[in-house]
């Protein structure tokens, strides 16, 4: 087992698979409706300079939506998939002051059977 990857081996750890997934599953109108509900809740609860943590940021669709409307918050995106973080990072590069964390670098690997 690759000790650099936490948990089960998933295709999301494969760069080509992750890129293809991100291109196929762009936000739908239903996803955008959910994003707007989340945005509304966060705008009511998170002050300027407040911090949002997204577990499982994937390709960064929600983060991009939220940060486009709330540029004065800190945003921390976390994901197990290094390729997904790379996709999100390139999408969010223009948004300063936010961080993306790769759990494969910061957590102790867990063996699965």
N, C-alpha and C. Protein backbone atom coordinates (compact mmCIF):
# COMPACT_ATOMS: atom_id res chain seq x y z
N UNK A 1 0.85 -1.19 0.00
CA UNK A 1 0.00 0.00 0.00
C UNK A 1 0.88 1.24 0.00
N UNK A 2 0.48 2.23 -0.76
CA UNK A 2 1.19 3.51 -0.80
C UNK A 2 0.96 4.23 0.52
N UNK A 3 2.01 4.44 1.29
CA UNK A 3 1.90 5.07 2.60
C UNK A 3 1.61 6.56 2.51
N UNK A 4 1.68 7.15 1.31
CA UNK A 4 1.40 8.56 1.14
C UNK A 4 -0.09 8.85 0.99
N UNK A 5 -0.92 7.83 0.88
CA UNK A 5 -2.34 8.02 0.66
C UNK A 5 -3.10 7.47 1.85
N UNK A 6 -3.98 8.28 2.41
CA UNK A 6 -4.78 7.88 3.56
C UNK A 6 -5.97 7.07 3.09
N UNK A 7 -6.29 6.04 3.81
CA UNK A 7 -7.49 5.27 3.53
C UNK A 7 -7.40 4.45 2.27
N UNK A 8 -8.54 4.16 1.71
CA UNK A 8 -8.63 3.29 0.54
C UNK A 8 -8.08 3.97 -0.71
N UNK A 9 -7.63 3.14 -1.62
CA UNK A 9 -7.20 3.65 -2.91
C UNK A 9 -8.45 4.03 -3.72
N UNK A 10 -8.52 5.25 -4.15
CA UNK A 10 -9.64 5.73 -4.95
C UNK A 10 -9.12 6.32 -6.24
N UNK A 11 -9.97 6.34 -7.23
CA UNK A 11 -9.58 6.94 -8.50
C UNK A 11 -9.33 8.44 -8.36
N UNK A 12 -9.87 9.07 -7.32
CA UNK A 12 -9.66 10.50 -7.16
C UNK A 12 -8.20 10.85 -6.88
N UNK A 13 -7.39 9.84 -6.60
CA UNK A 13 -5.96 10.08 -6.41
C UNK A 13 -5.21 10.07 -7.74
N UNK A 14 -5.90 9.70 -8.80
CA UNK A 14 -5.31 9.68 -10.13
C UNK A 14 -5.57 11.03 -10.81
N UNK A 15 -4.52 11.69 -11.26
CA UNK A 15 -4.64 13.03 -11.83
C UNK A 15 -5.57 13.07 -13.04
N UNK A 16 -5.40 12.16 -13.98
CA UNK A 16 -6.24 12.16 -15.18
C UNK A 16 -7.70 11.93 -14.85
N UNK A 17 -7.97 11.01 -13.93
CA UNK A 17 -9.35 10.75 -13.51
C UNK A 17 -9.94 12.01 -12.89
N UNK A 18 -9.19 12.67 -12.01
CA UNK A 18 -9.69 13.87 -11.32
C UNK A 18 -9.97 15.01 -12.29
N UNK A 19 -9.10 15.19 -13.25
CA UNK A 19 -9.32 16.24 -14.26
C UNK A 19 -10.58 15.95 -15.06
N UNK A 20 -10.73 14.71 -15.50
CA UNK A 20 -11.92 14.33 -16.28
C UNK A 20 -13.18 14.48 -15.44
N UNK A 21 -13.12 14.09 -14.17
CA UNK A 21 -14.28 14.21 -13.28
C UNK A 21 -14.67 15.67 -13.14
N UNK A 22 -13.69 16.54 -12.89
CA UNK A 22 -13.97 17.97 -12.70
C UNK A 22 -14.56 18.59 -13.95
N UNK A 23 -14.15 18.13 -15.11
CA UNK A 23 -14.68 18.65 -16.37
C UNK A 23 -16.10 18.14 -16.64
N UNK A 24 -16.39 16.90 -16.24
CA UNK A 24 -17.72 16.31 -16.45
C UNK A 24 -18.76 16.84 -15.49
N UNK A 25 -18.37 17.06 -14.26
CA UNK A 25 -19.34 17.38 -13.22
C UNK A 25 -19.27 18.84 -12.80
N UNK A 26 -19.45 19.71 -13.77
CA UNK A 26 -19.53 21.14 -13.44
C UNK A 26 -20.85 21.38 -12.73
N UNK A 27 -20.93 22.44 -11.93
CA UNK A 27 -22.16 22.67 -11.17
C UNK A 27 -23.41 22.77 -12.07
N UNK A 28 -24.43 22.06 -11.67
CA UNK A 28 -25.73 22.09 -12.34
C UNK A 28 -26.58 23.21 -11.73
N UNK A 29 -27.70 23.55 -12.35
CA UNK A 29 -28.58 24.55 -11.72
C UNK A 29 -28.98 24.16 -10.30
N UNK A 30 -29.18 22.87 -10.07
CA UNK A 30 -29.53 22.41 -8.72
C UNK A 30 -28.37 22.61 -7.74
N UNK A 31 -27.15 22.35 -8.21
CA UNK A 31 -25.97 22.59 -7.36
C UNK A 31 -25.84 24.07 -7.04
N UNK A 32 -26.05 24.91 -8.05
CA UNK A 32 -25.93 26.35 -7.83
C UNK A 32 -27.00 26.85 -6.86
N UNK A 33 -28.17 26.23 -6.90
CA UNK A 33 -29.21 26.59 -5.94
C UNK A 33 -28.75 26.25 -4.52
N UNK A 34 -28.16 25.07 -4.35
CA UNK A 34 -27.61 24.68 -3.06
C UNK A 34 -26.47 25.62 -2.65
N UNK A 35 -25.59 25.95 -3.58
CA UNK A 35 -24.49 26.88 -3.30
C UNK A 35 -25.05 28.21 -2.78
N UNK A 36 -26.14 28.69 -3.39
CA UNK A 36 -26.73 29.96 -2.98
C UNK A 36 -27.36 29.87 -1.59
N UNK A 37 -27.92 28.73 -1.25
CA UNK A 37 -28.45 28.53 0.11
C UNK A 37 -27.30 28.58 1.11
N UNK A 38 -26.21 27.88 0.80
CA UNK A 38 -25.04 27.88 1.68
C UNK A 38 -24.48 29.31 1.79
N UNK A 39 -24.39 30.00 0.66
CA UNK A 39 -23.90 31.37 0.64
C UNK A 39 -24.75 32.27 1.53
N UNK A 40 -26.04 32.17 1.42
CA UNK A 40 -26.96 32.97 2.22
C UNK A 40 -26.74 32.73 3.72
N UNK A 41 -26.61 31.46 4.09
CA UNK A 41 -26.37 31.12 5.50
C UNK A 41 -25.04 31.67 5.99
N UNK A 42 -23.99 31.52 5.17
CA UNK A 42 -22.67 32.02 5.58
C UNK A 42 -22.64 33.54 5.67
N UNK A 43 -23.30 34.21 4.73
CA UNK A 43 -23.33 35.67 4.78
C UNK A 43 -24.01 36.16 6.05
N UNK A 44 -24.98 35.40 6.54
CA UNK A 44 -25.69 35.78 7.76
C UNK A 44 -24.86 35.47 9.02
N UNK A 45 -23.92 34.53 8.93
CA UNK A 45 -23.22 34.06 10.12
C UNK A 45 -21.74 34.41 10.20
N UNK A 46 -21.08 34.58 9.06
CA UNK A 46 -19.62 34.76 9.05
C UNK A 46 -19.30 36.24 8.85
N UNK A 47 -18.63 36.86 9.82
CA UNK A 47 -18.28 38.28 9.67
C UNK A 47 -17.13 38.47 8.67
N UNK A 48 -16.94 39.71 8.24
CA UNK A 48 -15.78 40.04 7.41
C UNK A 48 -14.54 39.60 8.16
N UNK A 49 -13.65 38.91 7.46
CA UNK A 49 -12.44 38.39 8.09
C UNK A 49 -12.66 37.05 8.78
N UNK A 50 -13.90 36.56 8.78
CA UNK A 50 -14.20 35.26 9.38
C UNK A 50 -13.59 34.14 8.54
N UNK A 51 -13.70 32.93 9.05
CA UNK A 51 -13.03 31.80 8.41
C UNK A 51 -14.03 30.69 8.11
N UNK A 52 -13.89 30.13 6.91
CA UNK A 52 -14.70 28.99 6.49
C UNK A 52 -13.74 27.84 6.17
N UNK A 53 -14.08 26.65 6.62
CA UNK A 53 -13.31 25.46 6.31
C UNK A 53 -14.21 24.52 5.52
N UNK A 54 -13.73 24.10 4.36
CA UNK A 54 -14.49 23.14 3.54
C UNK A 54 -13.74 21.82 3.52
N UNK A 55 -14.39 20.79 4.04
CA UNK A 55 -13.82 19.45 4.02
C UNK A 55 -14.26 18.76 2.73
N UNK A 56 -13.30 18.35 1.93
CA UNK A 56 -13.63 17.73 0.65
C UNK A 56 -13.89 18.79 -0.41
N UNK A 57 -12.94 19.69 -0.59
CA UNK A 57 -13.11 20.81 -1.52
C UNK A 57 -13.23 20.36 -2.97
N UNK A 58 -12.73 19.17 -3.28
CA UNK A 58 -12.81 18.70 -4.67
C UNK A 58 -12.18 19.71 -5.61
N UNK A 59 -12.83 19.95 -6.76
CA UNK A 59 -12.24 20.86 -7.73
C UNK A 59 -12.48 22.34 -7.41
N UNK A 60 -13.11 22.64 -6.29
CA UNK A 60 -13.23 24.03 -5.85
C UNK A 60 -14.45 24.78 -6.33
N UNK A 61 -15.47 24.07 -6.80
CA UNK A 61 -16.66 24.75 -7.31
C UNK A 61 -17.37 25.58 -6.24
N UNK A 62 -17.62 24.98 -5.07
CA UNK A 62 -18.29 25.71 -4.00
C UNK A 62 -17.41 26.86 -3.51
N UNK A 63 -16.14 26.60 -3.32
CA UNK A 63 -15.21 27.63 -2.86
C UNK A 63 -15.20 28.83 -3.79
N UNK A 64 -15.15 28.57 -5.08
CA UNK A 64 -15.14 29.64 -6.07
C UNK A 64 -16.41 30.47 -5.98
N UNK A 65 -17.54 29.81 -5.83
CA UNK A 65 -18.83 30.48 -5.72
C UNK A 65 -18.88 31.36 -4.46
N UNK A 66 -18.47 30.78 -3.35
CA UNK A 66 -18.53 31.52 -2.08
C UNK A 66 -17.55 32.69 -2.05
N UNK A 67 -16.32 32.44 -2.49
CA UNK A 67 -15.31 33.50 -2.45
C UNK A 67 -15.59 34.60 -3.46
N UNK A 68 -16.28 34.27 -4.54
CA UNK A 68 -16.68 35.31 -5.48
C UNK A 68 -17.64 36.30 -4.86
N UNK A 69 -18.47 35.81 -3.94
CA UNK A 69 -19.45 36.66 -3.27
C UNK A 69 -18.98 37.18 -1.92
N UNK A 70 -18.00 36.49 -1.31
CA UNK A 70 -17.50 36.87 0.02
C UNK A 70 -15.97 36.95 -0.01
N UNK A 71 -15.42 37.91 -0.74
CA UNK A 71 -13.97 37.95 -0.90
C UNK A 71 -13.20 38.32 0.37
N UNK A 72 -13.90 38.78 1.39
CA UNK A 72 -13.22 39.22 2.61
C UNK A 72 -13.26 38.21 3.74
N UNK A 73 -13.39 36.94 3.40
CA UNK A 73 -13.30 35.88 4.39
C UNK A 73 -12.03 35.08 4.13
N UNK A 74 -11.61 34.34 5.14
CA UNK A 74 -10.52 33.38 4.97
C UNK A 74 -11.18 32.04 4.64
N UNK A 75 -10.59 31.33 3.70
CA UNK A 75 -11.18 30.07 3.26
C UNK A 75 -10.10 29.00 3.29
N UNK A 76 -10.39 27.91 3.96
CA UNK A 76 -9.45 26.79 4.03
C UNK A 76 -10.12 25.57 3.41
N UNK A 77 -9.56 25.10 2.29
CA UNK A 77 -10.08 23.91 1.64
C UNK A 77 -9.20 22.72 1.93
N UNK A 78 -9.81 21.61 2.29
CA UNK A 78 -9.08 20.39 2.65
C UNK A 78 -9.60 19.24 1.80
N UNK A 79 -8.69 18.40 1.33
CA UNK A 79 -9.11 17.24 0.55
C UNK A 79 -8.07 16.13 0.67
N UNK A 80 -8.51 14.89 0.53
CA UNK A 80 -7.61 13.74 0.52
C UNK A 80 -6.91 13.59 -0.83
N UNK A 81 -7.50 14.17 -1.87
CA UNK A 81 -7.00 13.97 -3.22
C UNK A 81 -6.08 15.12 -3.63
N UNK A 82 -4.81 14.81 -3.78
CA UNK A 82 -3.85 15.81 -4.23
C UNK A 82 -4.23 16.36 -5.59
N UNK A 83 -4.65 15.53 -6.57
CA UNK A 83 -5.06 16.09 -7.86
C UNK A 83 -6.25 17.05 -7.76
N UNK A 84 -7.22 16.73 -6.91
CA UNK A 84 -8.36 17.64 -6.74
C UNK A 84 -7.89 18.97 -6.14
N UNK A 85 -6.97 18.91 -5.19
CA UNK A 85 -6.43 20.14 -4.62
C UNK A 85 -5.70 20.97 -5.67
N UNK A 86 -5.00 20.30 -6.55
CA UNK A 86 -4.30 21.02 -7.61
C UNK A 86 -5.29 21.71 -8.55
N UNK A 87 -6.39 21.03 -8.86
CA UNK A 87 -7.43 21.63 -9.70
C UNK A 87 -8.04 22.83 -8.99
N UNK A 88 -8.39 22.65 -7.72
CA UNK A 88 -8.97 23.75 -6.95
C UNK A 88 -8.00 24.91 -6.84
N UNK A 89 -6.75 24.60 -6.59
CA UNK A 89 -5.73 25.63 -6.45
C UNK A 89 -5.61 26.48 -7.72
N UNK A 90 -5.61 25.83 -8.87
CA UNK A 90 -5.49 26.59 -10.12
C UNK A 90 -6.75 27.42 -10.35
N UNK A 91 -7.91 26.92 -9.97
CA UNK A 91 -9.17 27.65 -10.12
C UNK A 91 -9.23 28.85 -9.17
N UNK A 92 -8.66 28.68 -7.97
CA UNK A 92 -8.78 29.71 -6.93
C UNK A 92 -7.53 30.58 -6.81
N UNK A 93 -6.57 30.38 -7.69
CA UNK A 93 -5.29 31.09 -7.61
C UNK A 93 -5.47 32.60 -7.51
N UNK A 94 -6.45 33.14 -8.19
CA UNK A 94 -6.66 34.59 -8.20
C UNK A 94 -7.23 35.11 -6.88
N UNK A 95 -7.70 34.21 -6.04
CA UNK A 95 -8.27 34.61 -4.76
C UNK A 95 -7.18 34.54 -3.70
N UNK A 96 -6.72 35.67 -3.27
CA UNK A 96 -5.57 35.76 -2.36
C UNK A 96 -5.96 35.40 -0.93
N UNK A 97 -4.97 34.96 -0.16
CA UNK A 97 -5.13 34.78 1.28
C UNK A 97 -5.86 33.53 1.71
N UNK A 98 -6.07 32.60 0.82
CA UNK A 98 -6.77 31.38 1.19
C UNK A 98 -5.84 30.20 1.03
N UNK A 99 -6.11 29.14 1.77
CA UNK A 99 -5.20 27.99 1.76
C UNK A 99 -5.94 26.72 1.41
N UNK A 100 -5.21 25.82 0.78
CA UNK A 100 -5.73 24.49 0.48
C UNK A 100 -4.80 23.50 1.14
N UNK A 101 -5.36 22.54 1.85
CA UNK A 101 -4.55 21.59 2.60
C UNK A 101 -4.74 20.17 2.09
N UNK A 102 -3.62 19.52 1.90
CA UNK A 102 -3.58 18.14 1.45
C UNK A 102 -3.42 17.25 2.68
N UNK A 103 -4.47 16.52 3.04
CA UNK A 103 -4.40 15.68 4.23
C UNK A 103 -3.34 14.60 4.10
N UNK A 104 -2.96 14.27 2.87
CA UNK A 104 -1.92 13.26 2.68
C UNK A 104 -0.57 13.75 3.16
N UNK A 105 -0.39 15.04 3.28
CA UNK A 105 0.88 15.58 3.76
C UNK A 105 0.88 15.83 5.27
N UNK A 106 -0.31 16.05 5.84
CA UNK A 106 -0.37 16.48 7.23
C UNK A 106 -0.88 15.43 8.20
N UNK A 107 -1.44 14.35 7.70
CA UNK A 107 -2.00 13.34 8.60
C UNK A 107 -1.17 12.06 8.53
N UNK A 108 -1.32 11.26 9.55
CA UNK A 108 -0.65 9.96 9.58
C UNK A 108 -1.42 9.00 8.70
N UNK A 109 -0.75 8.31 7.76
CA UNK A 109 -1.46 7.36 6.90
C UNK A 109 -2.16 6.29 7.70
N UNK A 110 -3.32 5.89 7.22
CA UNK A 110 -4.11 4.84 7.85
C UNK A 110 -4.15 3.66 6.89
N UNK A 111 -3.81 2.50 7.38
CA UNK A 111 -3.83 1.31 6.54
C UNK A 111 -5.26 0.75 6.50
N UNK A 112 -5.66 0.30 5.32
CA UNK A 112 -6.95 -0.36 5.18
C UNK A 112 -6.70 -1.77 4.68
N UNK A 113 -7.62 -2.64 4.93
CA UNK A 113 -7.47 -4.02 4.50
C UNK A 113 -8.41 -4.33 3.37
